[in-house]
Amino acid sequence: MDFFARQEQSRRTTRILIGLFLLAVAATVTAVTIAAAIFIGMYRNPYGAGQLTDVAPVQWLSTNASDLLLIAGLTAAFI
């Protein structure tokens, strides 16, 4: 195998590794945000922690969207 073929193979491998890294970062940010959403849902519930609410998920997400975006942004910045 000559130098140029090996260099091209290394570039392809690097692109794959960068893509997998970005996928792992996105998965980590998503997991932390979901965990934070569960935590926020438990402790901002007017009926107390551990109780189900009457609020629809879409309404809850629109109410807490800024908090969740802040958490996702801070997680991504930390990584």
PDB file of N, CA and C in Angstrom:
ATOM      1  N   MET A   1       0.857  -1.180   0.000  1.00  0.00           N
ATOM      2  CA  MET A   1       0.000   0.000   0.000  1.00  0.00           C
ATOM      3  C   MET A   1       0.900   1.239   0.000  1.00  0.00           C
ATOM      4  N   ASP A   2       0.609   2.151  -0.891  1.00  0.00           N
ATOM      5  CA  ASP A   2       1.430   3.350  -0.960  1.00  0.00           C
ATOM      6  C   ASP A   2       0.943   4.412   0.029  1.00  0.00           C
ATOM      7  N   PHE A   3       1.710   5.461   0.129  1.00  0.00           N
ATOM      8  CA  PHE A   3       1.442   6.518   1.103  1.00  0.00           C
ATOM      9  C   PHE A   3       0.084   7.172   0.884  1.00  0.00           C
ATOM     10  N   PHE A   4      -0.247   7.484  -0.365  1.00  0.00           N
ATOM     11  CA  PHE A   4      -1.474   8.227  -0.650  1.00  0.00           C
ATOM     12  C   PHE A   4      -2.727   7.395  -0.382  1.00  0.00           C
ATOM     13  N   ALA A   5      -2.663   6.113  -0.661  1.00  0.00           N
ATOM     14  CA  ALA A   5      -3.801   5.238  -0.362  1.00  0.00           C
ATOM     15  C   ALA A   5      -4.000   5.130   1.147  1.00  0.00           C
ATOM     16  N   ARG A   6      -2.903   4.998   1.851  1.00  0.00           N
ATOM     17  CA  ARG A   6      -2.984   4.918   3.320  1.00  0.00           C
ATOM     18  C   ARG A   6      -3.511   6.232   3.904  1.00  0.00           C
ATOM     19  N   GLN A   7      -3.093   7.351   3.343  1.00  0.00           N
ATOM     20  CA  GLN A   7      -3.565   8.652   3.813  1.00  0.00           C
ATOM     21  C   GLN A   7      -5.070   8.798   3.584  1.00  0.00           C
ATOM     22  N   GLU A   8      -5.558   8.370   2.439  1.00  0.00           N
ATOM     23  CA  GLU A   8      -6.992   8.452   2.146  1.00  0.00           C
ATOM     24  C   GLU A   8      -7.790   7.538   3.081  1.00  0.00           C
ATOM     25  N   GLN A   9      -7.266   6.361   3.359  1.00  0.00           N
ATOM     26  CA  GLN A   9      -7.932   5.451   4.291  1.00  0.00           C
ATOM     27  C   GLN A   9      -7.980   6.067   5.689  1.00  0.00           C
ATOM     28  N   SER A  10      -6.915   6.715   6.100  1.00  0.00           N
ATOM     29  CA  SER A  10      -6.884   7.372   7.412  1.00  0.00           C
ATOM     30  C   SER A  10      -7.885   8.513   7.480  1.00  0.00           C
ATOM     31  N   ARG A  11      -8.044   9.246   6.397  1.00  0.00           N
ATOM     32  CA  ARG A  11      -9.026  10.333   6.373  1.00  0.00           C
ATOM     33  C   ARG A  11     -10.448   9.800   6.493  1.00  0.00           C
ATOM     34  N   ARG A  12     -10.739   8.700   5.807  1.00  0.00           N
ATOM     35  CA  ARG A  12     -12.073   8.092   5.924  1.00  0.00           C
ATOM     36  C   ARG A  12     -12.331   7.625   7.353  1.00  0.00           C
ATOM     37  N   THR A  13     -11.329   6.989   7.941  1.00  0.00           N
ATOM     38  CA  THR A  13     -11.465   6.515   9.319  1.00  0.00           C
ATOM     39  C   THR A  13     -11.665   7.684  10.277  1.00  0.00           C
ATOM     40  N   THR A  14     -10.953   8.768  10.045  1.00  0.00           N
ATOM     41  CA  THR A  14     -11.091   9.956  10.892  1.00  0.00           C
ATOM     42  C   THR A  14     -12.498  10.528  10.792  1.00  0.00           C
ATOM     43  N   ARG A  15     -13.050  10.592   9.580  1.00  0.00           N
ATOM     44  CA  ARG A  15     -14.424  11.096   9.410  1.00  0.00           C
ATOM     45  C   ARG A  15     -15.425  10.226  10.164  1.00  0.00           C
ATOM     46  N   ILE A  16     -15.236   8.930  10.102  1.00  0.00           N
ATOM     47  CA  ILE A  16     -16.135   8.016  10.818  1.00  0.00           C
ATOM     48  C   ILE A  16     -16.019   8.235  12.321  1.00  0.00           C
ATOM     49  N   LEU A  17     -14.798   8.360  12.823  1.00  0.00           N
ATOM     50  CA  LEU A  17     -14.602   8.566  14.259  1.00  0.00           C
ATOM     51  C   LEU A  17     -15.182   9.900  14.727  1.00  0.00           C
ATOM     52  N   ILE A  18     -15.045  10.942  13.930  1.00  0.00           N
ATOM     53  CA  ILE A  18     -15.627  12.240  14.292  1.00  0.00           C
ATOM     54  C   ILE A  18     -17.147  12.141  14.321  1.00  0.00           C
ATOM     55  N   GLY A  19     -17.723  11.456  13.349  1.00  0.00           N
ATOM     56  CA  GLY A  19     -19.173  11.263  13.336  1.00  0.00           C
ATOM     57  C   GLY A  19     -19.659  10.493  14.553  1.00  0.00           C
ATOM     58  N   LEU A  20     -18.941   9.440  14.918  1.00  0.00           N
ATOM     59  CA  LEU A  20     -19.315   8.665  16.103  1.00  0.00           C
ATOM     60  C   LEU A  20     -19.166   9.484  17.380  1.00  0.00           C
ATOM     61  N   PHE A  21     -18.137  10.320  17.442  1.00  0.00           N
ATOM     62  CA  PHE A  21     -17.956  11.182  18.609  1.00  0.00           C
ATOM     63  C   PHE A  21     -19.114  12.163  18.735  1.00  0.00           C
ATOM     64  N   LEU A  22     -19.500  12.793  17.617  1.00  0.00           N
ATOM     65  CA  LEU A  22     -20.629  13.731  17.653  1.00  0.00           C
ATOM     66  C   LEU A  22     -21.921  13.028  18.041  1.00  0.00           C
ATOM     67  N   LEU A  23     -22.099  11.800  17.578  1.00  0.00           N
ATOM     68  CA  LEU A  23     -23.273  11.017  17.963  1.00  0.00           C
ATOM     69  C   LEU A  23     -23.258  10.722  19.464  1.00  0.00           C
ATOM     70  N   ALA A  24     -22.093  10.403  20.010  1.00  0.00           N
ATOM     71  CA  ALA A  24     -21.977  10.143  21.446  1.00  0.00           C
ATOM     72  C   ALA A  24     -22.250  11.400  22.263  1.00  0.00           C
ATOM     73  N   VAL A  25     -21.774  12.549  21.796  1.00  0.00           N
ATOM     74  CA  VAL A  25     -22.045  13.812  22.491  1.00  0.00           C
ATOM     75  C   VAL A  25     -23.538  14.106  22.479  1.00  0.00           C
ATOM     76  N   ALA A  26     -24.177  13.927  21.332  1.00  0.00           N
ATOM     77  CA  ALA A  26     -25.618  14.167  21.234  1.00  0.00           C
ATOM     78  C   ALA A  26     -26.398  13.220  22.144  1.00  0.00           C
ATOM     79  N   ALA A  27     -25.981  11.961  22.209  1.00  0.00           N
ATOM     80  CA  ALA A  27     -26.655  11.002  23.083  1.00  0.00           C
ATOM     81  C   ALA A  27     -26.471  11.374  24.551  1.00  0.00           C
ATOM     82  N   THR A  28     -25.290  11.831  24.923  1.00  0.00           N
ATOM     83  CA  THR A  28     -25.035  12.240  26.304  1.00  0.00           C
ATOM     84  C   THR A  28     -25.868  13.458  26.679  1.00  0.00           C
ATOM     85  N   VAL A  29     -25.904  14.450  25.798  1.00  0.00           N
ATOM     86  CA  VAL A  29     -26.700  15.653  26.059  1.00  0.00           C
ATOM     87  C   VAL A  29     -28.175  15.288  26.185  1.00  0.00           C
ATOM     88  N   THR A  30     -28.658  14.409  25.317  1.00  0.00           N
ATOM     89  CA  THR A  30     -30.058  13.982  25.375  1.00  0.00           C
ATOM     90  C   THR A  30     -30.354  13.246  26.676  1.00  0.00           C
ATOM     91  N   ALA A  31     -29.471  12.348  27.084  1.00  0.00           N
ATOM     92  CA  ALA A  31     -29.692  11.589  28.314  1.00  0.00           C
ATOM     93  C   ALA A  31     -29.709  12.495  29.539  1.00  0.00           C
ATOM     94  N   VAL A  32     -28.789  13.445  29.605  1.00  0.00           N
ATOM     95  CA  VAL A  32     -28.749  14.367  30.745  1.00  0.00           C
ATOM     96  C   VAL A  32     -29.992  15.252  30.753  1.00  0.00           C
ATOM     97  N   THR A  33     -30.427  15.702  29.580  1.00  0.00           N
ATOM     98  CA  THR A  33     -31.614  16.548  29.503  1.00  0.00           C
ATOM     99  C   THR A  33     -32.866  15.783  29.908  1.00  0.00           C
ATOM    100  N   ILE A  34     -32.978  14.529  29.504  1.00  0.00           N
ATOM    101  CA  ILE A  34     -34.129  13.715  29.910  1.00  0.00           C
ATOM    102  C   ILE A  34     -34.114  13.494  31.420  1.00  0.00           C
ATOM    103  N   ALA A  35     -32.940  13.210  31.977  1.00  0.00           N
ATOM    104  CA  ALA A  35     -32.846  13.043  33.431  1.00  0.00           C
ATOM    105  C   ALA A  35     -33.225  14.333  34.150  1.00  0.00           C
ATOM    106  N   ALA A  36     -32.791  15.462  33.619  1.00  0.00           N
ATOM    107  CA  ALA A  36     -33.150  16.751  34.220  1.00  0.00           C
ATOM    108  C   ALA A  36     -34.642  17.015  34.095  1.00  0.00           C
ATOM    109  N   ALA A  37     -35.241  16.632  32.975  1.00  0.00           N
ATOM    110  CA  ALA A  37     -36.683  16.815  32.798  1.00  0.00           C
ATOM    111  C   ALA A  37     -37.463  15.994  33.819  1.00  0.00           C
ATOM    112  N   ILE A  38     -37.008  14.791  34.073  1.00  0.00           N
ATOM    113  CA  ILE A  38     -37.661  13.956  35.089  1.00  0.00           C
ATOM    114  C   ILE A  38     -37.509  14.595  36.464  1.00  0.00           C
ATOM    115  N   PHE A  39     -36.311  15.077  36.767  1.00  0.00           N
ATOM    116  CA  PHE A  39     -36.060  15.731  38.051  1.00  0.00           C
ATOM    117  C   PHE A  39     -36.923  16.979  38.205  1.00  0.00           C
ATOM    118  N   ILE A  40     -36.961  17.813  37.168  1.00  0.00           N
ATOM    119  CA  ILE A  40     -37.782  19.028  37.215  1.00  0.00           C
ATOM    120  C   ILE A  40     -39.253  18.662  37.358  1.00  0.00           C
ATOM    121  N   GLY A  41     -39.681  17.650  36.631  1.00  0.00           N
ATOM    122  CA  GLY A  41     -41.074  17.221  36.714  1.00  0.00           C
ATOM    123  C   GLY A  41     -41.461  16.734  38.096  1.00  0.00           C
ATOM    124  N   MET A  42     -40.527  16.085  38.784  1.00  0.00           N
ATOM    125  CA  MET A  42     -40.835  15.589  40.124  1.00  0.00           C
ATOM    126  C   MET A  42     -40.887  16.712  41.150  1.00  0.00           C
ATOM    127  N   TYR A  43     -39.987  17.667  41.055  1.00  0.00           N
ATOM    128  CA  TYR A  43     -39.873  18.657  42.117  1.00  0.00           C
ATOM    129  C   TYR A  43     -40.578  19.977  41.843  1.00  0.00           C
ATOM    130  N   ARG A  44     -41.091  20.176  40.636  1.00  0.00           N
ATOM    131  CA  ARG A  44     -41.897  21.361  40.361  1.00  0.00           C
ATOM    132  C   ARG A  44     -43.375  21.011  40.243  1.00  0.00           C
ATOM    133  N   ASN A  45     -43.698  19.832  40.615  1.00  0.00           N
ATOM    134  CA  ASN A  45     -45.074  19.364  40.536  1.00  0.00           C
ATOM    135  C   ASN A  45     -45.883  19.991  41.664  1.00  0.00           C
ATOM    136  N   PRO A  46     -47.017  20.635  41.367  1.00  0.00           N
ATOM    137  CA  PRO A  46     -47.811  21.246  42.434  1.00  0.00           C
ATOM    138  C   PRO A  46     -48.427  20.220  43.380  1.00  0.00           C
ATOM    139  N   TYR A  47     -48.489  18.962  42.950  1.00  0.00           N
ATOM    140  CA  TYR A  47     -49.068  17.914  43.790  1.00  0.00           C
ATOM    141  C   TYR A  47     -48.028  17.203  44.640  1.00  0.00           C
ATOM    142  N   GLY A  48     -46.776  17.615  44.547  1.00  0.00           N
ATOM    143  CA  GLY A  48     -45.715  16.991  45.325  1.00  0.00           C
ATOM    144  C   GLY A  48     -44.910  16.022  44.478  1.00  0.00           C
ATOM    145  N   ALA A  49     -43.727  15.723  44.951  1.00  0.00           N
ATOM    146  CA  ALA A  49     -42.840  14.822  44.220  1.00  0.00           C
ATOM    147  C   ALA A  49     -43.444  13.432  44.142  1.00  0.00           C
ATOM    148  N   GLY A  50     -43.326  12.821  43.004  1.00  0.00           N
ATOM    149  CA  GLY A  50     -43.808  11.463  42.831  1.00  0.00           C
ATOM    150  C   GLY A  50     -45.260  11.358  42.427  1.00  0.00           C
ATOM    151  N   GLN A  51     -45.974  12.458  42.362  1.00  0.00           N
ATOM    152  CA  GLN A  51     -47.380  12.435  41.972  1.00  0.00           C
ATOM    153  C   GLN A  51     -47.514  12.777  40.492  1.00  0.00           C
ATOM    154  N   LEU A  52     -48.506  12.213  39.857  1.00  0.00           N
ATOM    155  CA  LEU A  52     -48.761  12.524  38.460  1.00  0.00           C
ATOM    156  C   LEU A  52     -49.493  13.851  38.355  1.00  0.00           C
ATOM    157  N   THR A  53     -49.237  14.569  37.281  1.00  0.00           N
ATOM    158  CA  THR A  53     -49.897  15.856  37.085  1.00  0.00           C
ATOM    159  C   THR A  53     -50.996  15.729  36.042  1.00  0.00           C
ATOM    160  N   ASP A  54     -51.841  16.748  35.986  1.00  0.00           N
ATOM    161  CA  ASP A  54     -52.890  16.806  34.976  1.00  0.00           C
ATOM    162  C   ASP A  54     -52.427  17.563  33.741  1.00  0.00           C
ATOM    163  N   VAL A  55     -51.196  18.014  33.731  1.00  0.00           N
ATOM    164  CA  VAL A  55     -50.675  18.829  32.643  1.00  0.00           C
ATOM    165  C   VAL A  55     -50.265  17.924  31.481  1.00  0.00           C
ATOM    166  N   ALA A  56     -50.658  18.313  30.281  1.00  0.00           N
ATOM    167  CA  ALA A  56     -50.270  17.561  29.088  1.00  0.00           C
ATOM    168  C   ALA A  56     -48.764  17.711  28.855  1.00  0.00           C
ATOM    169  N   PRO A  57     -48.127  16.683  28.308  1.00  0.00           N
ATOM    170  CA  PRO A  57     -46.676  16.763  28.085  1.00  0.00           C
ATOM    171  C   PRO A  57     -46.251  17.947  27.217  1.00  0.00           C
ATOM    172  N   VAL A  58     -47.051  18.289  26.210  1.00  0.00           N
ATOM    173  CA  VAL A  58     -46.697  19.415  25.341  1.00  0.00           C
ATOM    174  C   VAL A  58     -46.727  20.717  26.131  1.00  0.00           C
ATOM    175  N   GLN A  59     -47.727  20.872  26.983  1.00  0.00           N
ATOM    176  CA  GLN A  59     -47.821  22.079  27.807  1.00  0.00           C
ATOM    177  C   GLN A  59     -46.670  22.121  28.810  1.00  0.00           C
ATOM    178  N   TRP A  60     -46.335  20.992  29.389  1.00  0.00           N
ATOM    179  CA  TRP A  60     -45.235  20.944  30.351  1.00  0.00           C
ATOM    180  C   TRP A  60     -43.917  21.307  29.668  1.00  0.00           C
ATOM    181  N   LEU A  61     -43.697  20.762  28.462  1.00  0.00           N
ATOM    182  CA  LEU A  61     -42.461  21.078  27.739  1.00  0.00           C
ATOM    183  C   LEU A  61     -42.385  22.546  27.361  1.00  0.00           C
ATOM    184  N   SER A  62     -43.509  23.129  26.961  1.00  0.00           N
ATOM    185  CA  SER A  62     -43.479  24.549  26.603  1.00  0.00           C
ATOM    186  C   SER A  62     -43.234  25.420  27.831  1.00  0.00           C
ATOM    187  N   THR A  63     -43.719  24.994  28.982  1.00  0.00           N
ATOM    188  CA  THR A  63     -43.506  25.742  30.214  1.00  0.00           C
ATOM    189  C   THR A  63     -42.051  25.663  30.674  1.00  0.00           C
ATOM    190  N   ASN A  64     -41.434  24.508  30.523  1.00  0.00           N
ATOM    191  CA  ASN A  64     -40.074  24.282  31.023  1.00  0.00           C
ATOM    192  C   ASN A  64     -39.018  24.261  29.925  1.00  0.00           C
ATOM    193  N   ALA A  65     -39.345  24.723  28.739  1.00  0.00           N
ATOM    194  CA  ALA A  65     -38.411  24.649  27.610  1.00  0.00           C
ATOM    195  C   ALA A  65     -37.127  25.430  27.869  1.00  0.00           C
ATOM    196  N   SER A  66     -37.244  26.600  28.470  1.00  0.00           N
ATOM    197  CA  SER A  66     -36.035  27.400  28.700  1.00  0.00           C
ATOM    198  C   SER A  66     -35.079  26.702  29.665  1.00  0.00           C
ATOM    199  N   ASP A  67     -35.624  26.077  30.693  1.00  0.00           N
ATOM    200  CA  ASP A  67     -34.766  25.344  31.636  1.00  0.00           C
ATOM    201  C   ASP A  67     -34.079  24.164  30.953  1.00  0.00           C
ATOM    202  N   LEU A  68     -34.834  23.431  30.142  1.00  0.00           N
ATOM    203  CA  LEU A  68     -34.260  22.266  29.478  1.00  0.00           C
ATOM    204  C   LEU A  68     -33.217  22.671  28.440  1.00  0.00           C
ATOM    205  N   LEU A  69     -33.463  23.763  27.725  1.00  0.00           N
ATOM    206  CA  LEU A  69     -32.464  24.250  26.771  1.00  0.00           C
ATOM    207  C   LEU A  69     -31.202  24.726  27.483  1.00  0.00           C
ATOM    208  N   LEU A  70     -31.371  25.352  28.630  1.00  0.00           N
ATOM    209  CA  LEU A  70     -30.216  25.781  29.414  1.00  0.00           C
ATOM    210  C   LEU A  70     -29.404  24.574  29.871  1.00  0.00           C
ATOM    211  N   ILE A  71     -30.071  23.550  30.346  1.00  0.00           N
ATOM    212  CA  ILE A  71     -29.382  22.337  30.799  1.00  0.00           C
ATOM    213  C   ILE A  71     -28.672  21.663  29.631  1.00  0.00           C
ATOM    214  N   ALA A  72     -29.338  21.566  28.487  1.00  0.00           N
ATOM    215  CA  ALA A  72     -28.716  20.950  27.313  1.00  0.00           C
ATOM    216  C   ALA A  72     -27.506  21.762  26.858  1.00  0.00           C
ATOM    217  N   GLY A  73     -27.620  23.073  26.860  1.00  0.00           N
ATOM    218  CA  GLY A  73     -26.501  23.922  26.457  1.00  0.00           C
ATOM    219  C   GLY A  73     -25.318  23.818  27.398  1.00  0.00           C
ATOM    220  N   LEU A  74     -25.594  23.807  28.695  1.00  0.00           N
ATOM    221  CA  LEU A  74     -24.508  23.686  29.669  1.00  0.00           C
ATOM    222  C   LEU A  74     -23.833  22.323  29.579  1.00  0.00           C
ATOM    223  N   THR A  75     -24.624  21.279  29.339  1.00  0.00           N
ATOM    224  CA  THR A  75     -24.046  19.947  29.187  1.00  0.00           C
ATOM    225  C   THR A  75     -23.146  19.888  27.961  1.00  0.00           C
ATOM    226  N   ALA A  76     -23.616  20.437  26.854  1.00  0.00           N
ATOM    227  CA  ALA A  76     -22.807  20.446  25.629  1.00  0.00           C
ATOM    228  C   ALA A  76     -21.540  21.281  25.818  1.00  0.00           C
ATOM    229  N   ALA A  77     -21.652  22.403  26.518  1.00  0.00           N
ATOM    230  CA  ALA A  77     -20.479  23.242  26.757  1.00  0.00           C
ATOM    231  C   ALA A  77     -19.472  22.536  27.661  1.00  0.00           C
ATOM    232  N   PHE A  78     -19.972  21.792  28.634  1.00  0.00           N
ATOM    233  CA  PHE A  78     -19.090  21.070  29.545  1.00  0.00           C
ATOM    234  C   PHE A  78     -18.321  19.977  28.813  1.00  0.00           C
ATOM    235  N   ILE A  79     -18.990  19.314  27.897  1.00  0.00           N
ATOM    236  CA  ILE A  79     -18.340  18.240  27.130  1.00  0.00           C
ATOM    237  C   ILE A  79     -17.329  18.861  26.197  1.00  0.00           C
TER     238      ILE A  79
END
